[in-house]
Every structure is written in structure tokens, then in C-alpha cells.
Amino acid sequence: MKILYIVNHFKYHGGIERMLSNKIDAWIEECEYEVVVVTINQNNAPVVYPPKNEFKLIKYRTIFIRISQLYCFLKKTCMKI
């Protein structure tokens, strides 16, 4: 099974970032899921709490986004995954 997570960013020290990292590790280790994280405003910043396991990080670079644009981007990108 594949899990797609869409977040604003994964670059600041905070509870959401730590929780996401822990969830990614649990999904991969315990459930053997393939995890993809799409960030909207990550830019070139590193992931602040990198998960222990390998996951796919897609950086969608924009400031303003429409849901329809994101949907089209995800549809094209996720078909390749």
C-alpha cells in the first residue's frame, strides 16, 4: 500500500514534523507501506527530523497554490511512483 502525505513543509523544529517522522517510520517498519511526502514550501531546506527509513520526498515549489493545480501535479507525479 502507498501512503501520500501532503504538508506545507518538513523543515522546522516542531511537534508536527516529529510526529510525521515517527509515523513514516511506523508505516514503513510495521506495515511495510511505501510513503511519499509532498511539501509545498520546503524549498531547498533539509528535513529537520529525517525518518530512519527511506521515503520519497517531493518538493512542490510555490507560494500560492490552487487545489486544482495541486491535484494535477499529484496525478502526474503519483502515476510515476
N, C-alpha and C. Protein backbone atom coordinates (compact mmCIF):
# COMPACT_ATOMS: atom_id res chain seq x y z
N MET A 1 0.84 -1.17 0.00
CA MET A 1 0.00 0.00 0.00
C MET A 1 0.89 1.24 0.00
N LYS A 2 0.42 2.29 -0.65
CA LYS A 2 1.15 3.55 -0.68
C LYS A 2 0.39 4.60 0.14
N ILE A 3 1.15 5.41 0.87
CA ILE A 3 0.57 6.50 1.63
C ILE A 3 1.15 7.80 1.11
N LEU A 4 0.27 8.72 0.79
CA LEU A 4 0.67 10.04 0.32
C LEU A 4 0.33 11.05 1.40
N TYR A 5 1.32 11.79 1.82
CA TYR A 5 1.14 12.81 2.85
C TYR A 5 1.45 14.16 2.22
N ILE A 6 0.55 15.12 2.32
CA ILE A 6 0.76 16.46 1.78
C ILE A 6 0.88 17.42 2.96
N VAL A 7 2.03 18.08 3.06
CA VAL A 7 2.27 19.02 4.17
C VAL A 7 2.84 20.32 3.62
N ASN A 8 2.70 21.36 4.40
CA ASN A 8 3.22 22.66 3.99
C ASN A 8 4.74 22.62 3.89
N HIS A 9 5.39 22.07 4.91
CA HIS A 9 6.85 21.95 4.91
C HIS A 9 7.23 20.86 5.91
N PHE A 10 8.49 20.50 5.90
CA PHE A 10 9.04 19.47 6.77
C PHE A 10 10.43 19.95 7.19
N LYS A 11 10.51 21.27 7.53
CA LYS A 11 11.83 21.87 7.73
C LYS A 11 12.03 22.58 9.07
N TYR A 12 11.00 22.77 9.88
CA TYR A 12 11.15 23.47 11.16
C TYR A 12 11.06 22.49 12.32
N HIS A 13 11.70 22.84 13.43
CA HIS A 13 11.63 22.02 14.64
C HIS A 13 10.26 22.21 15.26
N GLY A 14 9.50 21.14 15.33
CA GLY A 14 8.17 21.24 15.93
C GLY A 14 7.54 19.87 16.09
N GLY A 15 6.41 19.85 16.76
CA GLY A 15 5.72 18.60 17.05
C GLY A 15 5.18 17.91 15.82
N ILE A 16 4.65 18.67 14.86
CA ILE A 16 4.09 18.07 13.66
C ILE A 16 5.19 17.36 12.86
N GLU A 17 6.33 18.00 12.73
CA GLU A 17 7.44 17.42 11.98
C GLU A 17 7.93 16.13 12.64
N ARG A 18 8.04 16.14 13.96
CA ARG A 18 8.49 14.95 14.70
C ARG A 18 7.45 13.83 14.57
N MET A 19 6.17 14.19 14.70
CA MET A 19 5.10 13.20 14.57
C MET A 19 5.10 12.56 13.18
N LEU A 20 5.27 13.39 12.15
CA LEU A 20 5.30 12.87 10.79
C LEU A 20 6.47 11.91 10.59
N SER A 21 7.61 12.26 11.12
CA SER A 21 8.78 11.39 11.01
C SER A 21 8.53 10.04 11.70
N ASN A 22 7.93 10.08 12.88
CA ASN A 22 7.62 8.84 13.60
C ASN A 22 6.58 8.01 12.85
N LYS A 23 5.58 8.68 12.27
CA LYS A 23 4.55 7.96 11.52
C LYS A 23 5.15 7.28 10.28
N ILE A 24 6.03 7.99 9.59
CA ILE A 24 6.68 7.42 8.41
C ILE A 24 7.43 6.16 8.79
N ASP A 25 8.21 6.23 9.88
CA ASP A 25 8.95 5.05 10.33
C ASP A 25 8.02 3.89 10.68
N ALA A 26 6.92 4.18 11.36
CA ALA A 26 5.98 3.13 11.75
C ALA A 26 5.33 2.50 10.53
N TRP A 27 4.89 3.33 9.57
CA TRP A 27 4.26 2.80 8.37
C TRP A 27 5.20 1.88 7.60
N ILE A 28 6.47 2.29 7.51
CA ILE A 28 7.44 1.51 6.73
C ILE A 28 7.85 0.25 7.48
N GLU A 29 8.17 0.37 8.78
CA GLU A 29 8.67 -0.78 9.54
C GLU A 29 7.57 -1.79 9.87
N GLU A 30 6.45 -1.31 10.37
CA GLU A 30 5.42 -2.22 10.87
C GLU A 30 4.46 -2.68 9.78
N CYS A 31 4.14 -1.80 8.86
CA CYS A 31 3.12 -2.12 7.85
C CYS A 31 3.71 -2.38 6.47
N GLU A 32 4.99 -2.06 6.30
CA GLU A 32 5.67 -2.21 5.01
C GLU A 32 5.00 -1.40 3.90
N TYR A 33 4.54 -0.21 4.25
CA TYR A 33 3.93 0.70 3.28
C TYR A 33 5.01 1.50 2.57
N GLU A 34 4.70 1.96 1.39
CA GLU A 34 5.55 2.90 0.67
C GLU A 34 5.01 4.30 0.99
N VAL A 35 5.88 5.18 1.47
CA VAL A 35 5.44 6.51 1.91
C VAL A 35 6.01 7.59 1.00
N VAL A 36 5.13 8.50 0.58
CA VAL A 36 5.51 9.65 -0.24
C VAL A 36 5.04 10.90 0.50
N VAL A 37 5.94 11.87 0.67
CA VAL A 37 5.59 13.13 1.30
C VAL A 37 5.76 14.24 0.27
N VAL A 38 4.70 15.02 0.06
CA VAL A 38 4.75 16.17 -0.84
C VAL A 38 4.73 17.41 0.02
N THR A 39 5.74 18.27 -0.16
CA THR A 39 5.79 19.53 0.58
C THR A 39 5.50 20.68 -0.37
N ILE A 40 4.87 21.70 0.15
CA ILE A 40 4.51 22.86 -0.66
C ILE A 40 5.58 23.95 -0.57
N ASN A 41 6.14 24.18 0.62
CA ASN A 41 7.10 25.27 0.82
C ASN A 41 8.41 24.79 1.44
N GLN A 42 8.91 23.65 1.03
CA GLN A 42 10.16 23.12 1.59
C GLN A 42 11.38 23.84 1.03
N ASN A 43 11.28 24.29 -0.21
CA ASN A 43 12.41 24.88 -0.92
C ASN A 43 13.59 23.92 -0.89
N ASN A 44 14.78 24.39 -0.58
CA ASN A 44 15.95 23.51 -0.53
C ASN A 44 16.36 23.15 0.89
N ALA A 45 15.51 23.45 1.85
CA ALA A 45 15.83 23.16 3.25
C ALA A 45 15.83 21.65 3.50
N PRO A 46 16.72 21.19 4.36
CA PRO A 46 16.73 19.76 4.68
C PRO A 46 15.56 19.39 5.59
N VAL A 47 15.23 18.12 5.62
CA VAL A 47 14.20 17.62 6.53
C VAL A 47 14.76 17.68 7.94
N VAL A 48 14.05 18.33 8.86
CA VAL A 48 14.59 18.58 10.19
C VAL A 48 14.66 17.31 11.05
N TYR A 49 13.68 16.44 10.95
CA TYR A 49 13.69 15.16 11.66
C TYR A 49 13.62 14.05 10.62
N PRO A 50 14.73 13.70 10.01
CA PRO A 50 14.65 12.67 8.95
C PRO A 50 14.28 11.32 9.53
N PRO A 51 13.32 10.64 8.93
CA PRO A 51 12.97 9.30 9.39
C PRO A 51 14.15 8.34 9.21
N LYS A 52 14.13 7.27 9.99
CA LYS A 52 15.20 6.27 9.90
C LYS A 52 15.12 5.51 8.58
N ASN A 53 13.91 5.35 8.09
CA ASN A 53 13.68 4.57 6.87
C ASN A 53 13.61 5.48 5.66
N GLU A 54 13.85 4.88 4.50
CA GLU A 54 13.84 5.64 3.26
C GLU A 54 12.40 5.89 2.79
N PHE A 55 12.14 7.14 2.43
CA PHE A 55 10.84 7.53 1.90
C PHE A 55 11.07 8.50 0.76
N LYS A 56 10.03 8.74 -0.03
CA LYS A 56 10.16 9.65 -1.16
C LYS A 56 9.65 11.03 -0.76
N LEU A 57 10.47 12.06 -0.98
CA LEU A 57 10.10 13.44 -0.68
C LEU A 57 10.01 14.20 -2.00
N ILE A 58 8.85 14.77 -2.26
CA ILE A 58 8.63 15.57 -3.47
C ILE A 58 8.42 17.01 -3.04
N LYS A 59 9.27 17.90 -3.53
CA LYS A 59 9.18 19.31 -3.18
C LYS A 59 8.45 20.07 -4.28
N TYR A 60 7.24 20.50 -3.97
CA TYR A 60 6.45 21.28 -4.92
C TYR A 60 6.65 22.73 -4.54
N ARG A 61 7.37 23.49 -5.37
CA ARG A 61 7.78 24.84 -5.01
C ARG A 61 6.78 25.88 -5.49
N THR A 62 6.08 26.47 -4.55
CA THR A 62 5.14 27.54 -4.86
C THR A 62 4.77 28.28 -3.59
N ILE A 63 4.28 29.49 -3.77
CA ILE A 63 3.79 30.26 -2.63
C ILE A 63 2.27 30.17 -2.58
N PHE A 64 1.65 30.39 -3.69
CA PHE A 64 0.20 30.30 -3.78
C PHE A 64 -0.17 29.11 -4.64
N ILE A 65 -1.11 28.35 -4.20
CA ILE A 65 -1.48 27.15 -4.94
C ILE A 65 -3.00 26.99 -4.94
N ARG A 66 -3.50 26.57 -6.05
CA ARG A 66 -4.91 26.22 -6.14
C ARG A 66 -5.02 24.71 -6.01
N ILE A 67 -6.11 24.28 -5.44
CA ILE A 67 -6.31 22.84 -5.26
C ILE A 67 -6.26 22.11 -6.60
N SER A 68 -6.81 22.72 -7.64
CA SER A 68 -6.81 22.06 -8.95
C SER A 68 -5.39 21.89 -9.48
N GLN A 69 -4.51 22.87 -9.23
CA GLN A 69 -3.12 22.76 -9.66
C GLN A 69 -2.40 21.64 -8.91
N LEU A 70 -2.63 21.57 -7.61
CA LEU A 70 -2.02 20.52 -6.80
C LEU A 70 -2.53 19.16 -7.24
N TYR A 71 -3.81 19.05 -7.50
CA TYR A 71 -4.39 17.78 -7.94
C TYR A 71 -3.74 17.31 -9.24
N CYS A 72 -3.60 18.21 -10.21
CA CYS A 72 -2.97 17.85 -11.49
C CYS A 72 -1.52 17.42 -11.28
N PHE A 73 -0.80 18.16 -10.46
CA PHE A 73 0.59 17.82 -10.16
C PHE A 73 0.68 16.43 -9.52
N LEU A 74 -0.17 16.17 -8.53
CA LEU A 74 -0.13 14.88 -7.83
C LEU A 74 -0.54 13.74 -8.76
N LYS A 75 -1.51 14.00 -9.61
CA LYS A 75 -1.96 12.95 -10.51
C LYS A 75 -0.83 12.54 -11.45
N LYS A 76 -0.10 13.51 -11.98
CA LYS A 76 1.03 13.22 -12.88
C LYS A 76 2.18 12.55 -12.10
N THR A 77 2.48 13.08 -10.92
CA THR A 77 3.61 12.59 -10.15
C THR A 77 3.35 11.19 -9.58
N CYS A 78 2.17 10.99 -9.04
CA CYS A 78 1.89 9.72 -8.38
C CYS A 78 1.73 8.57 -9.36
N MET A 79 1.41 8.88 -10.58
CA MET A 79 1.33 7.82 -11.59
C MET A 79 2.71 7.22 -11.85
N LYS A 80 3.78 8.02 -11.63
CA LYS A 80 5.14 7.54 -11.85
C LYS A 80 5.68 6.77 -10.67
N ILE A 81 5.07 6.93 -9.52
CA ILE A 81 5.59 6.32 -8.28
C ILE A 81 5.25 4.84 -8.23
